[in-house]
N, C-alpha and C. Protein backbone atom coordinates (compact mmCIF):
# COMPACT_ATOMS: atom_id res chain seq x y z
N MET A 1 17.87 108.32 79.73
CA MET A 1 16.78 109.25 79.91
C MET A 1 15.81 108.64 80.93
N GLY A 2 15.40 109.43 81.88
CA GLY A 2 14.48 108.95 82.91
C GLY A 2 13.04 109.00 82.45
N GLN A 3 12.17 108.43 83.26
CA GLN A 3 10.76 108.37 82.91
C GLN A 3 10.13 109.75 82.76
N VAL A 4 10.53 110.67 83.61
CA VAL A 4 9.96 112.03 83.53
C VAL A 4 10.35 112.67 82.21
N GLU A 5 11.61 112.55 81.81
CA GLU A 5 12.06 113.12 80.55
C GLU A 5 11.39 112.43 79.37
N GLU A 6 11.21 111.11 79.44
CA GLU A 6 10.55 110.37 78.37
C GLU A 6 9.11 110.84 78.21
N PHE A 7 8.43 111.09 79.32
CA PHE A 7 7.06 111.58 79.26
C PHE A 7 7.01 112.94 78.58
N GLY A 8 7.98 113.80 78.91
CA GLY A 8 8.04 115.12 78.29
C GLY A 8 8.26 115.04 76.80
N VAL A 9 9.12 114.12 76.37
CA VAL A 9 9.36 113.93 74.94
C VAL A 9 8.10 113.41 74.26
N ALA A 10 7.45 112.44 74.88
CA ALA A 10 6.22 111.88 74.30
C ALA A 10 5.14 112.95 74.20
N ALA A 11 5.02 113.78 75.20
CA ALA A 11 4.02 114.85 75.18
C ALA A 11 4.34 115.85 74.07
N ASP A 12 5.61 116.16 73.88
CA ASP A 12 6.02 117.08 72.82
C ASP A 12 5.71 116.49 71.44
N VAL A 13 5.98 115.22 71.27
CA VAL A 13 5.69 114.56 70.00
C VAL A 13 4.19 114.58 69.73
N GLN A 14 3.39 114.28 70.74
CA GLN A 14 1.93 114.29 70.59
C GLN A 14 1.43 115.68 70.23
N GLU A 15 1.97 116.70 70.87
CA GLU A 15 1.57 118.08 70.58
C GLU A 15 1.91 118.45 69.14
N ARG A 16 3.07 118.05 68.67
CA ARG A 16 3.46 118.33 67.28
C ARG A 16 2.57 117.60 66.29
N LEU A 17 2.22 116.37 66.61
CA LEU A 17 1.33 115.60 65.75
C LEU A 17 -0.06 116.25 65.70
N ASP A 18 -0.57 116.65 66.84
CA ASP A 18 -1.87 117.32 66.89
C ASP A 18 -1.85 118.58 66.04
N GLU A 19 -0.79 119.37 66.13
CA GLU A 19 -0.68 120.60 65.35
C GLU A 19 -0.58 120.28 63.86
N ALA A 20 0.14 119.24 63.50
CA ALA A 20 0.25 118.85 62.09
C ALA A 20 -1.11 118.45 61.53
N VAL A 21 -1.91 117.76 62.33
CA VAL A 21 -3.25 117.37 61.89
C VAL A 21 -4.13 118.60 61.73
N ARG A 22 -4.06 119.53 62.68
CA ARG A 22 -4.84 120.78 62.55
C ARG A 22 -4.46 121.52 61.28
N ALA A 23 -3.17 121.61 61.01
CA ALA A 23 -2.70 122.31 59.81
C ALA A 23 -3.17 121.59 58.55
N ALA A 24 -3.11 120.28 58.56
CA ALA A 24 -3.55 119.50 57.40
C ALA A 24 -5.04 119.71 57.14
N ARG A 25 -5.84 119.74 58.18
CA ARG A 25 -7.28 119.97 58.01
C ARG A 25 -7.54 121.39 57.49
N GLU A 26 -6.80 122.36 58.01
CA GLU A 26 -6.95 123.74 57.54
C GLU A 26 -6.58 123.87 56.06
N ASP A 27 -5.64 123.03 55.63
CA ASP A 27 -5.21 123.02 54.22
C ASP A 27 -6.15 122.21 53.35
N GLY A 28 -7.19 121.62 53.96
CA GLY A 28 -8.19 120.89 53.20
C GLY A 28 -7.91 119.41 53.01
N ARG A 29 -6.94 118.88 53.73
CA ARG A 29 -6.65 117.46 53.62
C ARG A 29 -7.79 116.64 54.19
N SER A 30 -8.05 115.50 53.60
CA SER A 30 -9.14 114.63 54.04
C SER A 30 -8.70 113.79 55.24
N TRP A 31 -9.71 113.25 55.94
CA TRP A 31 -9.41 112.33 57.04
C TRP A 31 -8.73 111.08 56.51
N ALA A 32 -9.06 110.68 55.29
CA ALA A 32 -8.42 109.51 54.69
C ALA A 32 -6.93 109.77 54.50
N ALA A 33 -6.56 110.96 54.01
CA ALA A 33 -5.15 111.29 53.80
C ALA A 33 -4.41 111.38 55.12
N ILE A 34 -5.05 111.99 56.11
CA ILE A 34 -4.42 112.10 57.43
C ILE A 34 -4.25 110.72 58.05
N GLY A 35 -5.29 109.90 57.95
CA GLY A 35 -5.20 108.54 58.47
C GLY A 35 -4.09 107.74 57.82
N LYS A 36 -3.97 107.88 56.49
CA LYS A 36 -2.91 107.16 55.78
C LYS A 36 -1.54 107.60 56.27
N ALA A 37 -1.35 108.91 56.44
CA ALA A 37 -0.07 109.42 56.92
C ALA A 37 0.24 108.95 58.33
N ALA A 38 -0.81 108.79 59.15
CA ALA A 38 -0.65 108.35 60.54
C ALA A 38 -0.71 106.84 60.68
N ARG A 39 -0.85 106.16 59.53
CA ARG A 39 -0.94 104.69 59.51
C ARG A 39 -2.12 104.16 60.31
N MET A 40 -3.27 104.79 60.04
CA MET A 40 -4.51 104.34 60.66
C MET A 40 -5.64 104.59 59.66
N THR A 41 -6.80 104.08 59.96
CA THR A 41 -7.94 104.29 59.06
C THR A 41 -8.42 105.73 59.18
N LYS A 42 -9.19 106.16 58.17
CA LYS A 42 -9.76 107.51 58.23
C LYS A 42 -10.70 107.63 59.43
N GLN A 43 -11.42 106.56 59.73
CA GLN A 43 -12.33 106.58 60.88
C GLN A 43 -11.55 106.76 62.18
N SER A 44 -10.43 106.08 62.32
CA SER A 44 -9.61 106.22 63.52
C SER A 44 -9.06 107.62 63.65
N ALA A 45 -8.61 108.18 62.53
CA ALA A 45 -8.09 109.56 62.54
C ALA A 45 -9.17 110.54 62.96
N LEU A 46 -10.37 110.37 62.38
CA LEU A 46 -11.49 111.24 62.73
C LEU A 46 -11.85 111.12 64.20
N GLU A 47 -11.87 109.91 64.72
CA GLU A 47 -12.20 109.71 66.12
C GLU A 47 -11.13 110.31 67.04
N ARG A 48 -9.86 110.24 66.61
CA ARG A 48 -8.79 110.74 67.44
C ARG A 48 -8.68 112.26 67.42
N TRP A 49 -8.80 112.86 66.23
CA TRP A 49 -8.57 114.30 66.11
C TRP A 49 -9.78 115.11 65.73
N GLY A 50 -10.84 114.46 65.30
CA GLY A 50 -12.03 115.21 64.90
C GLY A 50 -12.72 115.84 66.09
N ARG A 51 -13.31 116.98 65.87
CA ARG A 51 -13.96 117.67 66.99
C ARG A 51 -15.41 117.87 66.69
């Protein structure tokens, strides 16, 4: 797989992760739960996906 294809895959994975976080927040999941699932602190999750 070339670099261009790898970038496309990485972008797709990031987009899916962002959507999963949005869905989790809509379902009432806490930043702590999202952070745990993403293997980061709740503060890191909030900083990354919080708006």
